[in-house]
Amino acid sequence: VKLAWTKPPSVIHVKPEACSDSEELVCPGDILVAVGGQYTGGLNRHDVLALLLSPGDKLAFVPPGCDHCGAAGAALARRDQAEVEWIGGIQLLWSNPATVVQVSEDQERMGSAKVTVGGTLTVVGGQDISMADRTQVLTQMLSARQIQFSAATFDSKLRASAALALQRPGSDPEWVGSFQFAWTSPPRLVDFSVEVLIHIPQIE
């Protein structure tokens, strides 16, 4: 494989034997996003070659445009690990499974996956990651060509709304998901949407 030393490195030319040795087809234009699970985005030529010295380390190539790979790599490189975190244009709550809290205006999709607030990240690279922690999810995303979000549910939309409410100055009363609360101690239910009756028919 002939590489251009971009950050991360990109494939210029592939010899036929490289395709036969790789688990997945490698094509010109593909990006070498990770070596042995380490993101290559911030590394120079010397650092990437040093990683390649380790025998048996898996090389992760993805097609150009897999924005989630670079976003995951950048997140893994951060020292701070917040409970709610922006991964590229998507803000995730690290619940099980990870829940979408916000989606930037210019990113309604991640890779080929449609993303909506309250949706949950359940499958990455064909693997079920619904019970995986932050590091496991990001590591899997780093080399995954496809990711899959499940549709928002009543519970996941409530989690997303609560996570978003914690980022606001707040009001009293305040809507959190389908519920409006007055912040007494304990909180008092002021109002709720019709949707609640479907899930909690006994509510008054």
N, C-alpha and C. Protein backbone atom coordinates (compact mmCIF):
# COMPACT_ATOMS: atom_id res chain seq x y z
N VAL A 1 0.84 -1.18 0.00
CA VAL A 1 0.00 0.00 0.00
C VAL A 1 0.88 1.24 0.00
N LYS A 2 0.62 2.17 -0.93
CA LYS A 2 1.34 3.43 -0.98
C LYS A 2 0.49 4.50 -0.31
N LEU A 3 1.10 5.22 0.66
CA LEU A 3 0.35 6.18 1.45
C LEU A 3 0.81 7.61 1.18
N ALA A 4 -0.14 8.52 1.26
CA ALA A 4 0.17 9.95 1.32
C ALA A 4 0.13 10.34 2.78
N TRP A 5 1.10 11.12 3.23
CA TRP A 5 1.22 11.41 4.67
C TRP A 5 0.34 12.60 5.08
N THR A 6 -0.93 12.45 4.77
CA THR A 6 -1.93 13.36 5.31
C THR A 6 -2.20 12.96 6.75
N LYS A 7 -3.07 13.68 7.43
CA LYS A 7 -3.42 13.32 8.82
C LYS A 7 -4.92 13.16 8.91
N PRO A 8 -5.42 11.92 8.94
CA PRO A 8 -4.70 10.64 8.90
C PRO A 8 -4.21 10.30 7.48
N PRO A 9 -3.29 9.31 7.35
CA PRO A 9 -2.75 8.94 6.04
C PRO A 9 -3.84 8.43 5.10
N SER A 10 -3.66 8.70 3.80
CA SER A 10 -4.61 8.23 2.79
C SER A 10 -3.89 7.34 1.79
N VAL A 11 -4.65 6.41 1.22
CA VAL A 11 -4.10 5.42 0.30
C VAL A 11 -4.04 6.00 -1.11
N ILE A 12 -2.85 5.92 -1.74
CA ILE A 12 -2.68 6.37 -3.12
C ILE A 12 -2.73 5.21 -4.10
N HIS A 13 -2.09 4.09 -3.73
CA HIS A 13 -2.01 2.94 -4.63
C HIS A 13 -2.03 1.67 -3.81
N VAL A 14 -2.65 0.63 -4.37
CA VAL A 14 -2.75 -0.67 -3.68
C VAL A 14 -2.26 -1.76 -4.61
N LYS A 15 -1.28 -2.54 -4.17
CA LYS A 15 -0.85 -3.70 -4.93
C LYS A 15 -1.85 -4.84 -4.76
N PRO A 16 -2.00 -5.71 -5.74
CA PRO A 16 -3.00 -6.80 -5.65
C PRO A 16 -2.83 -7.66 -4.41
N GLU A 17 -1.60 -7.94 -4.00
CA GLU A 17 -1.40 -8.80 -2.83
C GLU A 17 -1.88 -8.15 -1.55
N ALA A 18 -1.92 -6.82 -1.50
CA ALA A 18 -2.41 -6.13 -0.31
C ALA A 18 -3.89 -6.41 -0.11
N CYS A 19 -4.64 -6.47 -1.20
CA CYS A 19 -6.07 -6.76 -1.10
C CYS A 19 -6.31 -8.17 -0.61
N SER A 20 -5.48 -9.10 -1.03
CA SER A 20 -5.65 -10.50 -0.62
C SER A 20 -5.26 -10.70 0.84
N ASP A 21 -4.35 -9.84 1.35
CA ASP A 21 -3.90 -9.98 2.73
C ASP A 21 -4.82 -9.28 3.72
N SER A 22 -5.63 -8.36 3.24
CA SER A 22 -6.48 -7.58 4.12
C SER A 22 -7.83 -8.26 4.33
N GLU A 23 -8.40 -8.05 5.55
CA GLU A 23 -9.72 -8.60 5.84
C GLU A 23 -10.79 -7.90 5.01
N GLU A 24 -10.57 -6.62 4.70
CA GLU A 24 -11.53 -5.86 3.91
C GLU A 24 -10.81 -5.27 2.70
N LEU A 25 -11.57 -5.03 1.64
CA LEU A 25 -11.00 -4.48 0.43
C LEU A 25 -10.46 -3.07 0.70
N VAL A 26 -9.21 -2.84 0.32
CA VAL A 26 -8.58 -1.53 0.46
C VAL A 26 -8.48 -0.91 -0.92
N CYS A 27 -8.92 0.34 -1.06
CA CYS A 27 -8.95 1.01 -2.35
C CYS A 27 -8.22 2.35 -2.27
N PRO A 28 -7.70 2.83 -3.40
CA PRO A 28 -7.12 4.18 -3.41
C PRO A 28 -8.14 5.20 -2.93
N GLY A 29 -7.69 6.11 -2.09
CA GLY A 29 -8.59 7.10 -1.50
C GLY A 29 -9.02 6.74 -0.10
N ASP A 30 -8.91 5.46 0.27
CA ASP A 30 -9.25 5.05 1.63
C ASP A 30 -8.32 5.72 2.64
N ILE A 31 -8.78 5.80 3.87
CA ILE A 31 -8.04 6.47 4.94
C ILE A 31 -7.57 5.43 5.96
N LEU A 32 -6.29 5.48 6.33
CA LEU A 32 -5.77 4.64 7.40
C LEU A 32 -6.05 5.36 8.71
N VAL A 33 -7.14 4.99 9.37
CA VAL A 33 -7.58 5.73 10.55
C VAL A 33 -6.98 5.22 11.84
N ALA A 34 -6.55 3.96 11.87
CA ALA A 34 -6.03 3.42 13.12
C ALA A 34 -5.06 2.28 12.85
N VAL A 35 -4.08 2.17 13.75
CA VAL A 35 -3.15 1.04 13.75
C VAL A 35 -3.15 0.48 15.16
N GLY A 36 -3.57 -0.78 15.27
CA GLY A 36 -3.64 -1.39 16.59
C GLY A 36 -4.57 -0.68 17.54
N GLY A 37 -5.63 -0.08 16.99
CA GLY A 37 -6.61 0.62 17.82
C GLY A 37 -6.24 2.05 18.15
N GLN A 38 -5.09 2.54 17.69
CA GLN A 38 -4.69 3.92 17.95
C GLN A 38 -4.99 4.80 16.75
N TYR A 39 -5.67 5.90 17.00
CA TYR A 39 -6.06 6.83 15.95
C TYR A 39 -4.83 7.51 15.35
N THR A 40 -4.80 7.61 14.03
CA THR A 40 -3.64 8.16 13.33
C THR A 40 -3.81 9.62 12.92
N GLY A 41 -4.97 10.20 13.22
CA GLY A 41 -5.27 11.54 12.73
C GLY A 41 -4.30 12.62 13.14
N GLY A 42 -3.77 12.55 14.35
CA GLY A 42 -2.86 13.59 14.81
C GLY A 42 -1.40 13.22 14.70
N LEU A 43 -1.10 12.11 14.05
CA LEU A 43 0.27 11.59 14.01
C LEU A 43 0.98 11.99 12.73
N ASN A 44 2.31 12.19 12.82
CA ASN A 44 3.10 12.46 11.64
C ASN A 44 3.62 11.16 11.04
N ARG A 45 4.37 11.27 9.96
CA ARG A 45 4.88 10.09 9.26
C ARG A 45 5.68 9.18 10.19
N HIS A 46 6.57 9.76 10.97
CA HIS A 46 7.43 8.95 11.86
C HIS A 46 6.59 8.18 12.87
N ASP A 47 5.59 8.83 13.45
CA ASP A 47 4.77 8.18 14.48
C ASP A 47 3.94 7.03 13.89
N VAL A 48 3.41 7.24 12.68
CA VAL A 48 2.63 6.18 12.04
C VAL A 48 3.52 4.98 11.72
N LEU A 49 4.70 5.25 11.18
CA LEU A 49 5.62 4.16 10.86
C LEU A 49 6.05 3.41 12.13
N ALA A 50 6.21 4.12 13.22
CA ALA A 50 6.57 3.47 14.48
C ALA A 50 5.47 2.52 14.93
N LEU A 51 4.22 2.92 14.72
CA LEU A 51 3.11 2.03 15.06
C LEU A 51 3.12 0.79 14.18
N LEU A 52 3.47 0.97 12.93
CA LEU A 52 3.47 -0.15 11.98
C LEU A 52 4.57 -1.18 12.28
N LEU A 53 5.52 -0.83 13.13
CA LEU A 53 6.59 -1.77 13.47
C LEU A 53 6.09 -2.94 14.31
N SER A 54 4.98 -2.75 15.00
CA SER A 54 4.47 -3.80 15.88
C SER A 54 3.81 -4.89 15.05
N PRO A 55 4.32 -6.12 15.10
CA PRO A 55 3.74 -7.20 14.30
C PRO A 55 2.34 -7.57 14.78
N GLY A 56 1.49 -7.83 13.84
CA GLY A 56 0.15 -8.32 14.18
C GLY A 56 -0.86 -7.24 14.49
N ASP A 57 -0.43 -5.97 14.56
CA ASP A 57 -1.38 -4.90 14.84
C ASP A 57 -2.34 -4.73 13.67
N LYS A 58 -3.61 -4.64 13.98
CA LYS A 58 -4.63 -4.53 12.93
C LYS A 58 -4.63 -3.14 12.34
N LEU A 59 -4.69 -3.06 11.01
CA LEU A 59 -4.80 -1.79 10.31
C LEU A 59 -6.26 -1.54 9.97
N ALA A 60 -6.74 -0.34 10.25
CA ALA A 60 -8.13 -0.01 9.99
C ALA A 60 -8.21 1.03 8.88
N PHE A 61 -8.73 0.61 7.71
CA PHE A 61 -8.93 1.50 6.58
C PHE A 61 -10.43 1.75 6.42
N VAL A 62 -10.80 2.99 6.14
CA VAL A 62 -12.20 3.31 5.88
C VAL A 62 -12.28 4.20 4.65
N PRO A 63 -13.42 4.20 3.96
CA PRO A 63 -13.57 5.07 2.79
C PRO A 63 -13.58 6.54 3.21
N PRO A 64 -13.21 7.45 2.31
CA PRO A 64 -13.33 8.87 2.63
C PRO A 64 -14.78 9.24 2.90
N GLY A 65 -15.00 10.14 3.82
CA GLY A 65 -16.36 10.54 4.15
C GLY A 65 -16.92 9.84 5.36
N CYS A 66 -16.17 8.89 5.95
CA CYS A 66 -16.62 8.26 7.20
C CYS A 66 -16.29 9.21 8.35
N ASP A 67 -17.10 10.25 8.50
CA ASP A 67 -16.80 11.30 9.47
C ASP A 67 -16.78 10.77 10.90
N HIS A 68 -17.55 9.71 11.15
CA HIS A 68 -17.61 9.21 12.52
C HIS A 68 -16.27 8.63 12.97
N CYS A 69 -15.44 8.17 12.03
CA CYS A 69 -14.15 7.59 12.39
C CYS A 69 -13.23 8.65 12.98
N GLY A 70 -13.11 9.77 12.26
CA GLY A 70 -12.27 10.86 12.75
C GLY A 70 -12.81 11.46 14.04
N ALA A 71 -14.12 11.59 14.14
CA ALA A 71 -14.73 12.15 15.34
C ALA A 71 -14.47 11.25 16.55
N ALA A 72 -14.56 9.94 16.33
CA ALA A 72 -14.30 9.00 17.42
C ALA A 72 -12.83 9.05 17.83
N GLY A 73 -11.93 9.15 16.85
CA GLY A 73 -10.52 9.24 17.16
C GLY A 73 -10.18 10.48 17.96
N ALA A 74 -10.76 11.61 17.57
CA ALA A 74 -10.53 12.85 18.30
C ALA A 74 -11.06 12.76 19.73
N ALA A 75 -12.20 12.10 19.91
CA ALA A 75 -12.77 11.95 21.26
C ALA A 75 -11.89 11.06 22.13
N LEU A 76 -11.36 9.99 21.55
CA LEU A 76 -10.47 9.10 22.30
C LEU A 76 -9.20 9.82 22.74
N ALA A 77 -8.78 10.80 21.95
CA ALA A 77 -7.55 11.53 22.27
C ALA A 77 -7.76 12.58 23.36
N ARG A 78 -9.02 12.92 23.65
CA ARG A 78 -9.30 13.92 24.68
C ARG A 78 -9.09 13.32 26.07
N ARG A 79 -8.57 14.10 26.96
CA ARG A 79 -8.35 13.61 28.33
C ARG A 79 -9.61 13.70 29.18
N ASP A 80 -10.41 14.74 28.92
CA ASP A 80 -11.65 14.86 29.68
C ASP A 80 -12.70 13.94 29.09
N GLN A 81 -13.43 13.28 29.96
CA GLN A 81 -14.45 12.32 29.54
C GLN A 81 -15.77 12.70 30.19
N ALA A 82 -16.51 13.55 29.50
CA ALA A 82 -17.78 14.03 30.05
C ALA A 82 -18.88 13.00 29.83
N GLU A 83 -19.92 13.08 30.65
CA GLU A 83 -21.06 12.17 30.51
C GLU A 83 -21.84 12.47 29.24
N VAL A 84 -21.85 13.74 28.84
CA VAL A 84 -22.48 14.16 27.59
C VAL A 84 -21.38 14.81 26.74
N GLU A 85 -21.23 14.35 25.49
CA GLU A 85 -20.06 14.72 24.71
C GLU A 85 -20.40 14.84 23.23
N TRP A 86 -19.82 15.87 22.59
CA TRP A 86 -19.98 16.01 21.15
C TRP A 86 -19.03 15.08 20.43
N ILE A 87 -19.56 14.24 19.55
CA ILE A 87 -18.76 13.39 18.67
C ILE A 87 -19.05 13.87 17.26
N GLY A 88 -18.16 14.73 16.75
CA GLY A 88 -18.46 15.37 15.49
C GLY A 88 -19.67 16.28 15.66
N GLY A 89 -20.64 16.13 14.79
CA GLY A 89 -21.84 16.97 14.85
C GLY A 89 -22.96 16.38 15.67
N ILE A 90 -22.68 15.37 16.49
CA ILE A 90 -23.71 14.71 17.29
C ILE A 90 -23.30 14.72 18.76
N GLN A 91 -24.20 15.14 19.62
CA GLN A 91 -23.93 15.11 21.05
C GLN A 91 -24.56 13.85 21.63
N LEU A 92 -23.73 13.04 22.29
CA LEU A 92 -24.18 11.77 22.85
C LEU A 92 -24.16 11.79 24.37
N LEU A 93 -25.17 11.19 24.97
CA LEU A 93 -25.19 10.87 26.39
C LEU A 93 -24.70 9.44 26.51
N TRP A 94 -23.67 9.22 27.35
CA TRP A 94 -23.09 7.88 27.45
C TRP A 94 -23.90 7.00 28.39
N SER A 95 -25.14 6.77 27.99
CA SER A 95 -26.01 5.80 28.67
C SER A 95 -25.82 4.47 27.98
N ASN A 96 -26.59 3.48 28.36
CA ASN A 96 -26.55 2.18 27.68
C ASN A 96 -27.93 1.90 27.10
N PRO A 97 -28.09 2.03 25.79
CA PRO A 97 -27.09 2.45 24.81
C PRO A 97 -26.91 3.96 24.78
N ALA A 98 -25.85 4.42 24.09
CA ALA A 98 -25.60 5.86 23.96
C ALA A 98 -26.79 6.53 23.28
N THR A 99 -27.20 7.68 23.83
CA THR A 99 -28.41 8.36 23.38
C THR A 99 -28.06 9.71 22.75
N VAL A 100 -28.69 10.02 21.62
CA VAL A 100 -28.46 11.28 20.93
C VAL A 100 -29.20 12.40 21.67
N VAL A 101 -28.43 13.43 22.09
CA VAL A 101 -29.01 14.56 22.82
C VAL A 101 -29.27 15.73 21.87
N GLN A 102 -28.30 16.03 21.00
CA GLN A 102 -28.44 17.10 20.03
C GLN A 102 -27.79 16.69 18.72
N VAL A 103 -28.27 17.27 17.63
CA VAL A 103 -27.69 17.06 16.31
C VAL A 103 -27.46 18.43 15.70
N SER A 104 -26.24 18.70 15.25
CA SER A 104 -25.95 20.00 14.64
C SER A 104 -26.74 20.17 13.35
N GLU A 105 -26.95 21.43 12.97
CA GLU A 105 -27.77 21.71 11.79
C GLU A 105 -27.20 21.10 10.53
N ASP A 106 -25.87 21.03 10.43
CA ASP A 106 -25.26 20.53 9.20
C ASP A 106 -24.97 19.04 9.24
N GLN A 107 -25.42 18.37 10.29
CA GLN A 107 -25.18 16.92 10.35
C GLN A 107 -26.43 16.20 10.82
N GLU A 108 -27.26 15.83 9.87
CA GLU A 108 -28.42 15.02 10.18
C GLU A 108 -28.15 13.55 9.96
N ARG A 109 -26.96 13.27 9.40
CA ARG A 109 -26.57 11.89 9.18
C ARG A 109 -25.16 11.69 9.71
N MET A 110 -24.86 10.49 10.16
CA MET A 110 -23.49 10.12 10.51
C MET A 110 -23.16 8.92 9.64
N GLY A 111 -22.26 9.12 8.68
CA GLY A 111 -22.02 8.07 7.70
C GLY A 111 -23.29 7.87 6.90
N SER A 112 -23.78 6.65 6.87
CA SER A 112 -25.02 6.34 6.15
C SER A 112 -26.22 6.28 7.09
N ALA A 113 -25.98 6.63 8.37
CA ALA A 113 -27.04 6.46 9.37
C ALA A 113 -27.80 7.77 9.59
N LYS A 114 -29.12 7.70 9.58
CA LYS A 114 -29.97 8.84 9.91
C LYS A 114 -29.93 9.04 11.42
N VAL A 115 -29.79 10.29 11.84
CA VAL A 115 -29.65 10.58 13.27
C VAL A 115 -30.76 11.51 13.71
N THR A 116 -31.46 11.17 14.80
CA THR A 116 -32.49 12.02 15.37
C THR A 116 -32.29 12.10 16.87
N VAL A 117 -32.74 13.21 17.46
CA VAL A 117 -32.64 13.39 18.91
C VAL A 117 -33.45 12.29 19.60
N GLY A 118 -32.83 11.65 20.59
CA GLY A 118 -33.48 10.55 21.30
C GLY A 118 -33.18 9.20 20.70
N GLY A 119 -32.60 9.18 19.49
CA GLY A 119 -32.18 7.91 18.90
C GLY A 119 -31.04 7.31 19.70
N THR A 120 -30.83 6.02 19.57
CA THR A 120 -29.78 5.36 20.32
C THR A 120 -28.81 4.65 19.38
N LEU A 121 -27.53 4.73 19.72
CA LEU A 121 -26.49 4.09 18.92
C LEU A 121 -26.37 2.65 19.37
N THR A 122 -26.78 1.72 18.51
CA THR A 122 -26.89 0.32 18.93
C THR A 122 -25.96 -0.63 18.20
N VAL A 123 -25.60 -0.33 16.96
CA VAL A 123 -24.76 -1.23 16.17
C VAL A 123 -23.64 -0.44 15.52
N VAL A 124 -22.40 -0.87 15.71
CA VAL A 124 -21.24 -0.24 15.09
C VAL A 124 -20.40 -1.33 14.44
N GLY A 125 -20.18 -1.20 13.14
CA GLY A 125 -19.38 -2.19 12.44
C GLY A 125 -19.95 -3.59 12.52
N GLY A 126 -21.29 -3.68 12.57
CA GLY A 126 -21.94 -4.99 12.65
C GLY A 126 -21.99 -5.58 14.04
N GLN A 127 -21.44 -4.89 15.03
CA GLN A 127 -21.40 -5.40 16.41
C GLN A 127 -22.42 -4.67 17.27
N ASP A 128 -23.13 -5.42 18.11
CA ASP A 128 -24.06 -4.83 19.06
C ASP A 128 -23.27 -4.14 20.17
N ILE A 129 -23.42 -2.82 20.29
CA ILE A 129 -22.66 -2.09 21.31
C ILE A 129 -23.61 -1.41 22.32
N SER A 130 -24.83 -1.93 22.40
CA SER A 130 -25.84 -1.29 23.25
C SER A 130 -25.45 -1.27 24.72
N MET A 131 -24.61 -2.20 25.17
CA MET A 131 -24.19 -2.24 26.57
C MET A 131 -22.71 -1.87 26.73
N ALA A 132 -22.09 -1.35 25.68
CA ALA A 132 -20.67 -0.99 25.73
C ALA A 132 -20.48 0.37 26.39
N ASP A 133 -19.31 0.59 26.99
CA ASP A 133 -19.01 1.88 27.59
C ASP A 133 -18.43 2.83 26.55
N ARG A 134 -18.13 4.04 26.96
CA ARG A 134 -17.66 5.09 26.05
C ARG A 134 -16.43 4.64 25.26
N THR A 135 -15.42 4.15 25.95
CA THR A 135 -14.18 3.76 25.27
C THR A 135 -14.42 2.64 24.27
N GLN A 136 -15.24 1.67 24.64
CA GLN A 136 -15.53 0.56 23.75
C GLN A 136 -16.28 1.03 22.51
N VAL A 137 -17.24 1.93 22.70
CA VAL A 137 -18.02 2.44 21.56
C VAL A 137 -17.13 3.22 20.61
N LEU A 138 -16.32 4.13 21.17
CA LEU A 138 -15.46 4.97 20.33
C LEU A 138 -14.40 4.14 19.61
N THR A 139 -13.85 3.15 20.28
CA THR A 139 -12.85 2.29 19.65
C THR A 139 -13.45 1.52 18.50
N GLN A 140 -14.68 1.04 18.68
CA GLN A 140 -15.36 0.32 17.60
C GLN A 140 -15.69 1.27 16.44
N MET A 141 -16.09 2.51 16.77
CA MET A 141 -16.42 3.49 15.74
C MET A 141 -15.21 3.87 14.91
N LEU A 142 -14.05 3.80 15.53
CA LEU A 142 -12.82 4.26 14.89
C LEU A 142 -12.55 3.56 13.56
N SER A 143 -12.89 2.28 13.49
CA SER A 143 -12.58 1.52 12.28
C SER A 143 -13.83 0.96 11.60
N ALA A 144 -15.00 1.41 12.03
CA ALA A 144 -16.25 0.87 11.48
C ALA A 144 -16.65 1.61 10.21
N ARG A 145 -17.03 0.87 9.20
CA ARG A 145 -17.51 1.48 7.97
C ARG A 145 -18.98 1.84 8.07
N GLN A 146 -19.72 1.18 8.94
CA GLN A 146 -21.14 1.46 9.08
C GLN A 146 -21.53 1.50 10.55
N ILE A 147 -22.44 2.41 10.87
CA ILE A 147 -23.01 2.47 12.21
C ILE A 147 -24.52 2.56 12.07
N GLN A 148 -25.21 2.17 13.13
CA GLN A 148 -26.67 2.10 13.05
C GLN A 148 -27.29 2.69 14.32
N PHE A 149 -28.25 3.60 14.10
CA PHE A 149 -29.00 4.18 15.20
C PHE A 149 -30.40 3.58 15.22
N SER A 150 -30.89 3.29 16.41
CA SER A 150 -32.28 2.85 16.56
C SER A 150 -33.17 4.06 16.76
N ALA A 151 -34.44 3.91 16.42
CA ALA A 151 -35.39 5.02 16.54
C ALA A 151 -35.57 5.43 18.00
N ALA A 152 -35.90 6.68 18.20
CA ALA A 152 -36.14 7.19 19.55
C ALA A 152 -37.36 6.52 20.17
N THR A 153 -37.27 6.27 21.46
CA THR A 153 -38.39 5.73 22.22
C THR A 153 -38.83 6.76 23.25
N PHE A 154 -39.92 6.49 23.93
CA PHE A 154 -40.40 7.39 24.98
C PHE A 154 -39.32 7.59 26.04
N ASP A 155 -38.68 6.50 26.47
CA ASP A 155 -37.65 6.58 27.51
C ASP A 155 -36.40 7.30 27.01
N SER A 156 -35.95 6.98 25.79
CA SER A 156 -34.72 7.59 25.29
C SER A 156 -34.91 9.09 25.03
N LYS A 157 -36.10 9.50 24.59
CA LYS A 157 -36.37 10.92 24.40
C LYS A 157 -36.36 11.66 25.74
N LEU A 158 -36.84 10.99 26.78
CA LEU A 158 -36.81 11.59 28.11
C LEU A 158 -35.38 11.76 28.60
N ARG A 159 -34.53 10.74 28.38
CA ARG A 159 -33.12 10.84 28.78
C ARG A 159 -32.43 11.98 28.04
N ALA A 160 -32.67 12.07 26.73
CA ALA A 160 -32.05 13.13 25.93
C ALA A 160 -32.50 14.50 26.40
N SER A 161 -33.79 14.64 26.70
CA SER A 161 -34.31 15.93 27.14
C SER A 161 -33.74 16.31 28.50
N ALA A 162 -33.59 15.34 29.40
CA ALA A 162 -33.02 15.62 30.72
C ALA A 162 -31.56 16.04 30.59
N ALA A 163 -30.80 15.38 29.71
CA ALA A 163 -29.40 15.74 29.49
C ALA A 163 -29.28 17.14 28.91
N LEU A 164 -30.20 17.50 28.02
CA LEU A 164 -30.19 18.84 27.43
C LEU A 164 -30.58 19.89 28.47
N ALA A 165 -31.55 19.55 29.33
CA ALA A 165 -32.00 20.49 30.37
C ALA A 165 -30.87 20.84 31.33
N LEU A 166 -29.99 19.90 31.61
CA LEU A 166 -28.86 20.15 32.50
C LEU A 166 -27.87 21.15 31.90
N GLN A 167 -27.92 21.35 30.58
CA GLN A 167 -27.02 22.29 29.93
C GLN A 167 -27.63 23.69 29.83
N ARG A 168 -28.90 23.84 30.22
CA ARG A 168 -29.58 25.14 30.15
C ARG A 168 -29.62 25.79 31.52
N PRO A 169 -29.82 27.12 31.57
CA PRO A 169 -30.01 27.78 32.86
C PRO A 169 -31.22 27.25 33.62
N GLY A 170 -32.22 26.82 32.88
CA GLY A 170 -33.40 26.24 33.52
C GLY A 170 -34.49 27.26 33.75
N SER A 171 -35.69 26.76 33.94
CA SER A 171 -36.85 27.60 34.24
C SER A 171 -37.75 26.85 35.20
N ASP A 172 -38.71 27.54 35.75
CA ASP A 172 -39.62 26.90 36.71
C ASP A 172 -41.03 27.44 36.47
N PRO A 173 -41.97 26.63 35.97
CA PRO A 173 -41.80 25.20 35.66
C PRO A 173 -41.01 24.99 34.36
N GLU A 174 -40.66 23.74 34.08
CA GLU A 174 -39.82 23.42 32.93
C GLU A 174 -40.26 22.10 32.31
N TRP A 175 -40.25 22.08 30.97
CA TRP A 175 -40.56 20.85 30.25
C TRP A 175 -39.31 19.99 30.16
N VAL A 176 -39.45 18.73 30.52
CA VAL A 176 -38.40 17.72 30.35
C VAL A 176 -39.05 16.54 29.66
N GLY A 177 -38.73 16.36 28.39
CA GLY A 177 -39.42 15.34 27.63
C GLY A 177 -40.90 15.69 27.53
N SER A 178 -41.75 14.76 27.86
CA SER A 178 -43.20 14.97 27.76
C SER A 178 -43.81 15.45 29.07
N PHE A 179 -42.96 15.81 30.04
CA PHE A 179 -43.44 16.22 31.36
C PHE A 179 -43.03 17.67 31.65
N GLN A 180 -43.93 18.40 32.33
CA GLN A 180 -43.58 19.72 32.83
C GLN A 180 -43.54 19.66 34.35
N PHE A 181 -42.39 20.05 34.90
CA PHE A 181 -42.18 19.97 36.34
C PHE A 181 -42.03 21.35 36.96
N ALA A 182 -42.55 21.48 38.17
CA ALA A 182 -42.20 22.61 39.04
C ALA A 182 -41.11 22.10 39.96
N TRP A 183 -40.04 22.90 40.12
CA TRP A 183 -38.87 22.40 40.85
C TRP A 183 -38.99 22.64 42.35
N THR A 184 -40.06 22.07 42.90
CA THR A 184 -40.20 22.00 44.35
C THR A 184 -39.37 20.81 44.84
N SER A 185 -39.42 20.52 46.09
CA SER A 185 -38.69 19.36 46.62
C SER A 185 -39.66 18.47 47.38
N PRO A 186 -40.05 17.29 46.82
CA PRO A 186 -39.64 16.78 45.51
C PRO A 186 -40.36 17.52 44.38
N PRO A 187 -39.88 17.34 43.12
CA PRO A 187 -40.51 18.03 41.98
C PRO A 187 -41.99 17.68 41.86
N ARG A 188 -42.79 18.67 41.45
CA ARG A 188 -44.23 18.49 41.28
C ARG A 188 -44.57 18.49 39.79
N LEU A 189 -45.37 17.50 39.37
CA LEU A 189 -45.79 17.41 37.98
C LEU A 189 -46.86 18.45 37.73
N VAL A 190 -46.60 19.36 36.77
CA VAL A 190 -47.53 20.43 36.44
C VAL A 190 -48.41 20.05 35.26
N ASP A 191 -47.78 19.45 34.24
CA ASP A 191 -48.51 19.13 33.02
C ASP A 191 -47.78 18.01 32.30
N PHE A 192 -48.44 17.42 31.32
CA PHE A 192 -47.81 16.38 30.50
C PHE A 192 -48.50 16.33 29.16
N SER A 193 -47.81 15.78 28.17
CA SER A 193 -48.37 15.69 26.82
C SER A 193 -49.24 14.44 26.71
N VAL A 194 -50.05 14.41 25.67
CA VAL A 194 -50.96 13.28 25.44
C VAL A 194 -50.18 11.97 25.29
N GLU A 195 -48.96 12.05 24.76
CA GLU A 195 -48.14 10.86 24.55
C GLU A 195 -47.94 10.08 25.84
N VAL A 196 -47.90 10.77 26.96
CA VAL A 196 -47.65 10.12 28.24
C VAL A 196 -48.73 9.10 28.56
N LEU A 197 -49.98 9.38 28.17
CA LEU A 197 -51.09 8.49 28.50
C LEU A 197 -50.94 7.12 27.84
N ILE A 198 -50.21 7.08 26.73
CA ILE A 198 -49.98 5.81 26.06
C ILE A 198 -49.05 4.92 26.88
N HIS A 199 -48.07 5.56 27.51
CA HIS A 199 -47.05 4.82 28.25
C HIS A 199 -47.35 4.70 29.73
N ILE A 200 -48.04 5.69 30.28
CA ILE A 200 -48.39 5.67 31.72
C ILE A 200 -49.87 6.00 31.84
N PRO A 201 -50.74 5.06 31.52
CA PRO A 201 -52.18 5.35 31.46
C PRO A 201 -52.77 5.77 32.81
N GLN A 202 -52.12 5.39 33.93
CA GLN A 202 -52.67 5.68 35.24
C GLN A 202 -52.31 7.07 35.75
N ILE A 203 -51.53 7.84 34.98
CA ILE A 203 -51.07 9.14 35.45
C ILE A 203 -52.25 10.12 35.54
N GLU A 204 -52.17 11.02 36.50
CA GLU A 204 -53.24 12.02 36.70
C GLU A 204 -52.63 13.42 36.69
